[in-house]
C-alpha atoms as a PDB file:
ATOM      1  CA  UNK A   1     -40.390 -25.148 -53.229  1.00  0.00           C
ATOM      2  CA  UNK A   2     -40.444 -21.719 -51.644  1.00  0.00           C
ATOM      3  CA  UNK A   3     -43.926 -20.175 -51.312  1.00  0.00           C
ATOM      4  CA  UNK A   4     -44.291 -16.399 -51.833  1.00  0.00           C
ATOM      5  CA  UNK A   5     -46.529 -15.461 -48.889  1.00  0.00           C
ATOM      6  CA  UNK A   6     -47.566 -12.170 -50.522  1.00  0.00           C
ATOM      7  CA  UNK A   7     -48.545 -13.986 -53.719  1.00  0.00           C
ATOM      8  CA  UNK A   8     -50.645 -16.381 -51.639  1.00  0.00           C
ATOM      9  CA  UNK A   9     -52.298 -13.413 -49.869  1.00  0.00           C
ATOM     10  CA  UNK A  10     -53.016 -11.653 -53.202  1.00  0.00           C
ATOM     11  CA  UNK A  11     -54.518 -14.875 -54.667  1.00  0.00           C
ATOM     12  CA  UNK A  12     -56.639 -15.325 -51.509  1.00  0.00           C
ATOM     13  CA  UNK A  13     -57.748 -11.641 -51.687  1.00  0.00           C
ATOM     14  CA  UNK A  14     -58.734 -12.069 -55.369  1.00  0.00           C
ATOM     15  CA  UNK A  15     -60.731 -15.199 -54.576  1.00  0.00           C
ATOM     16  CA  UNK A  16     -62.374 -13.914 -51.392  1.00  0.00           C
ATOM     17  CA  UNK A  17     -63.305 -10.674 -53.100  1.00  0.00           C
ATOM     18  CA  UNK A  18     -65.341 -12.743 -55.636  1.00  0.00           C
ATOM     19  CA  UNK A  19     -66.477 -15.412 -53.192  1.00  0.00           C
ATOM     20  CA  UNK A  20     -66.278 -14.411 -49.492  1.00  0.00           C
ATOM     21  CA  UNK A  21     -67.318 -17.917 -48.371  1.00  0.00           C
ATOM     22  CA  UNK A  22     -64.516 -19.717 -50.150  1.00  0.00           C
ATOM     23  CA  UNK A  23     -63.048 -22.595 -48.193  1.00  0.00           C
ATOM     24  CA  UNK A  24     -59.355 -22.921 -47.344  1.00  0.00           C
ATOM     25  CA  UNK A  25     -59.162 -25.674 -50.027  1.00  0.00           C
ATOM     26  CA  UNK A  26     -60.409 -23.186 -52.604  1.00  0.00           C
ATOM     27  CA  UNK A  27     -57.952 -20.586 -51.405  1.00  0.00           C
ATOM     28  CA  UNK A  28     -55.058 -23.102 -51.657  1.00  0.00           C
ATOM     29  CA  UNK A  29     -56.149 -24.038 -55.138  1.00  0.00           C
ATOM     30  CA  UNK A  30     -56.419 -20.427 -56.239  1.00  0.00           C
ATOM     31  CA  UNK A  31     -52.870 -19.821 -54.914  1.00  0.00           C
ATOM     32  CA  UNK A  32     -51.557 -22.879 -56.715  1.00  0.00           C
ATOM     33  CA  UNK A  33     -50.495 -24.646 -53.518  1.00  0.00           C
ATOM     34  CA  UNK A  34     -51.719 -27.513 -51.421  1.00  0.00           C
ATOM     35  CA  UNK A  35     -53.945 -27.125 -48.379  1.00  0.00           C
ATOM     36  CA  UNK A  36     -51.117 -28.295 -46.111  1.00  0.00           C
ATOM     37  CA  UNK A  37     -48.798 -25.595 -47.429  1.00  0.00           C
ATOM     38  CA  UNK A  38     -51.483 -22.989 -46.947  1.00  0.00           C
ATOM     39  CA  UNK A  39     -52.009 -24.164 -43.342  1.00  0.00           C
ATOM     40  CA  UNK A  40     -48.242 -23.888 -42.671  1.00  0.00           C
ATOM     41  CA  UNK A  41     -48.504 -20.207 -43.506  1.00  0.00           C
ATOM     42  CA  UNK A  42     -51.976 -19.564 -42.031  1.00  0.00           C
ATOM     43  CA  UNK A  43     -53.290 -21.811 -39.263  1.00  0.00           C
ATOM     44  CA  UNK A  44     -56.896 -21.339 -40.411  1.00  0.00           C
ATOM     45  CA  UNK A  45     -59.337 -18.953 -42.002  1.00  0.00           C
ATOM     46  CA  UNK A  46     -59.059 -16.522 -39.088  1.00  0.00           C
ATOM     47  CA  UNK A  47     -55.294 -16.252 -39.466  1.00  0.00           C
ATOM     48  CA  UNK A  48     -55.679 -15.807 -43.227  1.00  0.00           C
ATOM     49  CA  UNK A  49     -58.313 -13.077 -42.785  1.00  0.00           C
ATOM     50  CA  UNK A  50     -56.061 -11.283 -40.182  1.00  0.00           C
ATOM     51  CA  UNK A  51     -53.156 -11.391 -42.664  1.00  0.00           C
ATOM     52  CA  UNK A  52     -55.424  -9.997 -45.355  1.00  0.00           C
ATOM     53  CA  UNK A  53     -56.494  -7.277 -42.902  1.00  0.00           C
ATOM     54  CA  UNK A  54     -52.888  -6.243 -42.422  1.00  0.00           C
ATOM     55  CA  UNK A  55     -52.372  -6.212 -46.193  1.00  0.00           C
ATOM     56  CA  UNK A  56     -55.510  -4.129 -46.705  1.00  0.00           C
ATOM     57  CA  UNK A  57     -54.449  -1.647 -44.065  1.00  0.00           C
ATOM     58  CA  UNK A  58     -50.992  -1.415 -45.585  1.00  0.00           C
ATOM     59  CA  UNK A  59     -52.387  -0.837 -49.061  1.00  0.00           C
ATOM     60  CA  UNK A  60     -54.896   1.797 -47.889  1.00  0.00           C
ATOM     61  CA  UNK A  61     -52.186   3.658 -46.011  1.00  0.00           C
ATOM     62  CA  UNK A  62     -50.098   3.603 -49.200  1.00  0.00           C
ATOM     63  CA  UNK A  63     -53.046   4.982 -51.128  1.00  0.00           C
ATOM     64  CA  UNK A  64     -53.470   7.779 -48.582  1.00  0.00           C
ATOM     65  CA  UNK A  65     -49.763   8.617 -48.851  1.00  0.00           C
ATOM     66  CA  UNK A  66     -49.895   8.568 -52.710  1.00  0.00           C
ATOM     67  CA  UNK A  67     -52.980  10.796 -52.763  1.00  0.00           C
ATOM     68  CA  UNK A  68     -51.139  13.601 -50.895  1.00  0.00           C
ATOM     69  CA  UNK A  69     -54.361  14.716 -49.243  1.00  0.00           C
ATOM     70  CA  UNK A  70     -52.796  17.862 -47.866  1.00  0.00           C
ATOM     71  CA  UNK A  71     -51.835  19.213 -51.320  1.00  0.00           C
ATOM     72  CA  UNK A  72     -54.096  21.395 -53.387  1.00  0.00           C
ATOM     73  CA  UNK A  73     -57.892  21.530 -53.467  1.00  0.00           C
ATOM     74  CA  UNK A  74     -59.841  18.933 -51.564  1.00  0.00           C
ATOM     75  CA  UNK A  75     -61.752  17.819 -54.634  1.00  0.00           C
ATOM     76  CA  UNK A  76     -58.527  17.070 -56.495  1.00  0.00           C
ATOM     77  CA  UNK A  77     -57.110  15.269 -53.426  1.00  0.00           C
ATOM     78  CA  UNK A  78     -60.250  13.114 -53.309  1.00  0.00           C
ATOM     79  CA  UNK A  79     -59.874  12.242 -56.962  1.00  0.00           C
ATOM     80  CA  UNK A  80     -56.287  11.174 -56.324  1.00  0.00           C
ATOM     81  CA  UNK A  81     -57.332   9.076 -53.328  1.00  0.00           C
ATOM     82  CA  UNK A  82     -60.013   7.192 -55.292  1.00  0.00           C
ATOM     83  CA  UNK A  83     -57.487   6.539 -58.101  1.00  0.00           C
ATOM     84  CA  UNK A  84     -54.901   5.308 -55.616  1.00  0.00           C
ATOM     85  CA  UNK A  85     -57.322   3.043 -53.692  1.00  0.00           C
ATOM     86  CA  UNK A  86     -58.977   1.518 -56.749  1.00  0.00           C
ATOM     87  CA  UNK A  87     -56.490  -1.420 -57.156  1.00  0.00           C
ATOM     88  CA  UNK A  88     -57.230  -2.430 -53.480  1.00  0.00           C
ATOM     89  CA  UNK A  89     -60.958  -1.714 -53.552  1.00  0.00           C
ATOM     90  CA  UNK A  90     -62.026  -5.376 -53.827  1.00  0.00           C
ATOM     91  CA  UNK A  91     -59.847  -6.407 -50.862  1.00  0.00           C
ATOM     92  CA  UNK A  92     -61.126  -3.473 -48.801  1.00  0.00           C
ATOM     93  CA  UNK A  93     -64.689  -4.339 -49.715  1.00  0.00           C
ATOM     94  CA  UNK A  94     -64.159  -7.905 -48.476  1.00  0.00           C
ATOM     95  CA  UNK A  95     -62.546  -6.691 -45.276  1.00  0.00           C
ATOM     96  CA  UNK A  96     -65.317  -4.306 -44.306  1.00  0.00           C
ATOM     97  CA  UNK A  97     -67.776  -7.216 -44.453  1.00  0.00           C
ATOM     98  CA  UNK A  98     -65.720  -9.411 -42.172  1.00  0.00           C
ATOM     99  CA  UNK A  99     -67.387  -8.950 -38.805  1.00  0.00           C
ATOM    100  CA  UNK A 100     -64.622 -10.838 -36.977  1.00  0.00           C
ATOM    101  CA  UNK A 101     -62.331  -7.870 -37.661  1.00  0.00           C
ATOM    102  CA  UNK A 102     -64.531  -5.399 -35.859  1.00  0.00           C
ATOM    103  CA  UNK A 103     -65.706  -7.374 -32.821  1.00  0.00           C
ATOM    104  CA  UNK A 104     -64.236  -7.656 -29.419  1.00  0.00           C
ATOM    105  CA  UNK A 105     -61.112  -6.070 -27.914  1.00  0.00           C
ATOM    106  CA  UNK A 106     -58.644  -6.991 -30.575  1.00  0.00           C
ATOM    107  CA  UNK A 107     -59.592  -4.513 -33.265  1.00  0.00           C
ATOM    108  CA  UNK A 108     -56.508  -3.663 -35.338  1.00  0.00           C
ATOM    109  CA  UNK A 109     -55.327  -0.204 -34.437  1.00  0.00           C
ATOM    110  CA  UNK A 110     -54.559   0.363 -38.127  1.00  0.00           C
ATOM    111  CA  UNK A 111     -58.299   0.941 -38.828  1.00  0.00           C
ATOM    112  CA  UNK A 112     -58.340   3.817 -36.254  1.00  0.00           C
ATOM    113  CA  UNK A 113     -55.261   5.293 -37.854  1.00  0.00           C
ATOM    114  CA  UNK A 114     -56.814   5.220 -41.310  1.00  0.00           C
ATOM    115  CA  UNK A 115     -60.115   6.623 -40.052  1.00  0.00           C
ATOM    116  CA  UNK A 116     -58.305   9.506 -38.356  1.00  0.00           C
ATOM    117  CA  UNK A 117     -56.406  10.361 -41.541  1.00  0.00           C
ATOM    118  CA  UNK A 118     -59.541  10.323 -43.710  1.00  0.00           C
ATOM    119  CA  UNK A 119     -61.526  12.265 -41.097  1.00  0.00           C
ATOM    120  CA  UNK A 120     -58.859  14.899 -40.913  1.00  0.00           C
ATOM    121  CA  UNK A 121     -58.933  15.237 -44.708  1.00  0.00           C
ATOM    122  CA  UNK A 122     -62.712  15.874 -44.654  1.00  0.00           C
ATOM    123  CA  UNK A 123     -62.362  18.240 -41.729  1.00  0.00           C
ATOM    124  CA  UNK A 124     -59.737  20.270 -43.570  1.00  0.00           C
ATOM    125  CA  UNK A 125     -62.042  20.459 -46.598  1.00  0.00           C
ATOM    126  CA  UNK A 126     -64.775  21.793 -44.344  1.00  0.00           C
ATOM    127  CA  UNK A 127     -62.500  24.313 -42.750  1.00  0.00           C
ATOM    128  CA  UNK A 128     -61.459  25.543 -46.179  1.00  0.00           C
ATOM    129  CA  UNK A 129     -65.116  25.924 -47.198  1.00  0.00           C
ATOM    130  CA  UNK A 130     -64.878  23.171 -49.859  1.00  0.00           C
ATOM    131  CA  UNK A 131     -67.125  20.567 -48.189  1.00  0.00           C
ATOM    132  CA  UNK A 132     -70.476  20.863 -46.490  1.00  0.00           C
ATOM    133  CA  UNK A 133     -70.280  21.574 -42.738  1.00  0.00           C
ATOM    134  CA  UNK A 134     -73.610  19.961 -41.876  1.00  0.00           C
ATOM    135  CA  UNK A 135     -72.164  16.465 -42.481  1.00  0.00           C
ATOM    136  CA  UNK A 136     -69.662  15.245 -39.936  1.00  0.00           C
ATOM    137  CA  UNK A 137     -66.184  14.168 -41.087  1.00  0.00           C
ATOM    138  CA  UNK A 138     -66.895  10.726 -39.607  1.00  0.00           C
ATOM    139  CA  UNK A 139     -70.018  10.414 -41.760  1.00  0.00           C
ATOM    140  CA  UNK A 140     -68.180  11.479 -44.887  1.00  0.00           C
ATOM    141  CA  UNK A 141     -65.462   8.906 -44.105  1.00  0.00           C
ATOM    142  CA  UNK A 142     -68.035   6.156 -43.717  1.00  0.00           C
ATOM    143  CA  UNK A 143     -69.725   7.297 -47.002  1.00  0.00           C
ATOM    144  CA  UNK A 144     -66.434   7.137 -48.766  1.00  0.00           C
ATOM    145  CA  UNK A 145     -65.794   3.604 -47.501  1.00  0.00           C
ATOM    146  CA  UNK A 146     -69.308   2.544 -48.471  1.00  0.00           C
ATOM    147  CA  UNK A 147     -68.943   3.954 -51.971  1.00  0.00           C
ATOM    148  CA  UNK A 148     -65.566   2.307 -52.521  1.00  0.00           C
ATOM    149  CA  UNK A 149     -66.877  -1.038 -51.340  1.00  0.00           C
ATOM    150  CA  UNK A 150     -70.086  -0.848 -53.325  1.00  0.00           C
ATOM    151  CA  UNK A 151     -68.252   0.323 -56.374  1.00  0.00           C
ATOM    152  CA  UNK A 152     -65.843  -2.645 -56.183  1.00  0.00           C
ATOM    153  CA  UNK A 153     -68.755  -5.099 -55.900  1.00  0.00           C
ATOM    154  CA  UNK A 154     -70.669  -3.424 -58.754  1.00  0.00           C
ATOM    155  CA  UNK A 155     -67.593  -3.665 -61.001  1.00  0.00           C
ATOM    156  CA  UNK A 156     -66.925  -7.300 -60.002  1.00  0.00           C
ATOM    157  CA  UNK A 157     -70.570  -8.207 -60.695  1.00  0.00           C
ATOM    158  CA  UNK A 158     -70.494  -6.507 -64.097  1.00  0.00           C
ATOM    159  CA  UNK A 159     -73.186  -3.988 -63.239  1.00  0.00           C
ATOM    160  CA  UNK A 160     -70.728  -1.109 -63.664  1.00  0.00           C
ATOM    161  CA  UNK A 161     -67.903  -0.680 -66.129  1.00  0.00           C
ATOM    162  CA  UNK A 162     -64.487  -0.712 -64.428  1.00  0.00           C
ATOM    163  CA  UNK A 163     -63.508   2.426 -66.260  1.00  0.00           C
ATOM    164  CA  UNK A 164     -66.328   4.270 -64.446  1.00  0.00           C
ATOM    165  CA  UNK A 165     -65.277   3.271 -60.875  1.00  0.00           C
ATOM    166  CA  UNK A 166     -63.423   6.474 -60.060  1.00  0.00           C
ATOM    167  CA  UNK A 167     -65.811   8.841 -61.762  1.00  0.00           C
ATOM    168  CA  UNK A 168     -68.973   7.481 -60.166  1.00  0.00           C
ATOM    169  CA  UNK A 169     -67.583   7.387 -56.646  1.00  0.00           C
ATOM    170  CA  UNK A 170     -66.054  10.862 -56.771  1.00  0.00           C
ATOM    171  CA  UNK A 171     -69.108  12.467 -58.435  1.00  0.00           C
ATOM    172  CA  UNK A 172     -71.610  10.913 -56.065  1.00  0.00           C
ATOM    173  CA  UNK A 173     -69.582  11.698 -52.969  1.00  0.00           C
ATOM    174  CA  UNK A 174     -68.786  15.253 -54.073  1.00  0.00           C
ATOM    175  CA  UNK A 175     -72.328  15.840 -55.219  1.00  0.00           C
ATOM    176  CA  UNK A 176     -73.407  15.165 -51.679  1.00  0.00           C
ATOM    177  CA  UNK A 177     -70.441  16.593 -49.898  1.00  0.00           C
ATOM    178  CA  UNK A 178     -69.660  19.695 -51.943  1.00  0.00           C
ATOM    179  CA  UNK A 179     -70.590  22.914 -50.252  1.00  0.00           C
ATOM    180  CA  UNK A 180     -73.146  24.809 -52.262  1.00  0.00           C
ATOM    181  CA  UNK A 181     -73.231  28.579 -52.468  1.00  0.00           C
ATOM    182  CA  UNK A 182     -75.249  29.901 -49.581  1.00  0.00           C
ATOM    183  CA  UNK A 183     -74.636  26.991 -47.184  1.00  0.00           C
END
């Protein structure tokens, strides 16, 4: 039987989004494969998390591309970005809590690439007079990541309706980032 590696990763992502402490046995069961098969593809949890990291980076890059952040008003571009990232929000939320991904010398360069693109977006919005200039682009980037992660967890826990995910994130971020008259 041929195992679809991407399907295994997506099953693992769905499980780990709900239960970040899931064992490899639980991941294998969720993917509908045996533990030995899972280990043939991923030597252990670290290898699985690294593969999920690559998937998350790939999906976030695709969301950035789909959002066309350089086109139109910054507010509309942000709305497009949140809509594009929503399907991956749970995976990204899991990844930002995985300390092993952000320790030591082997930090995936993909994170820096993503950060640079999002920071550049916020900087352009500031230069156009659409976003506050007293908040750094780096801070706005971190705030975006935090809201996406928190939104994903809140929807997963049933504290927030899934249909409100985009609205709540965009409105809270823009309410704090939008430049007011006289600033």
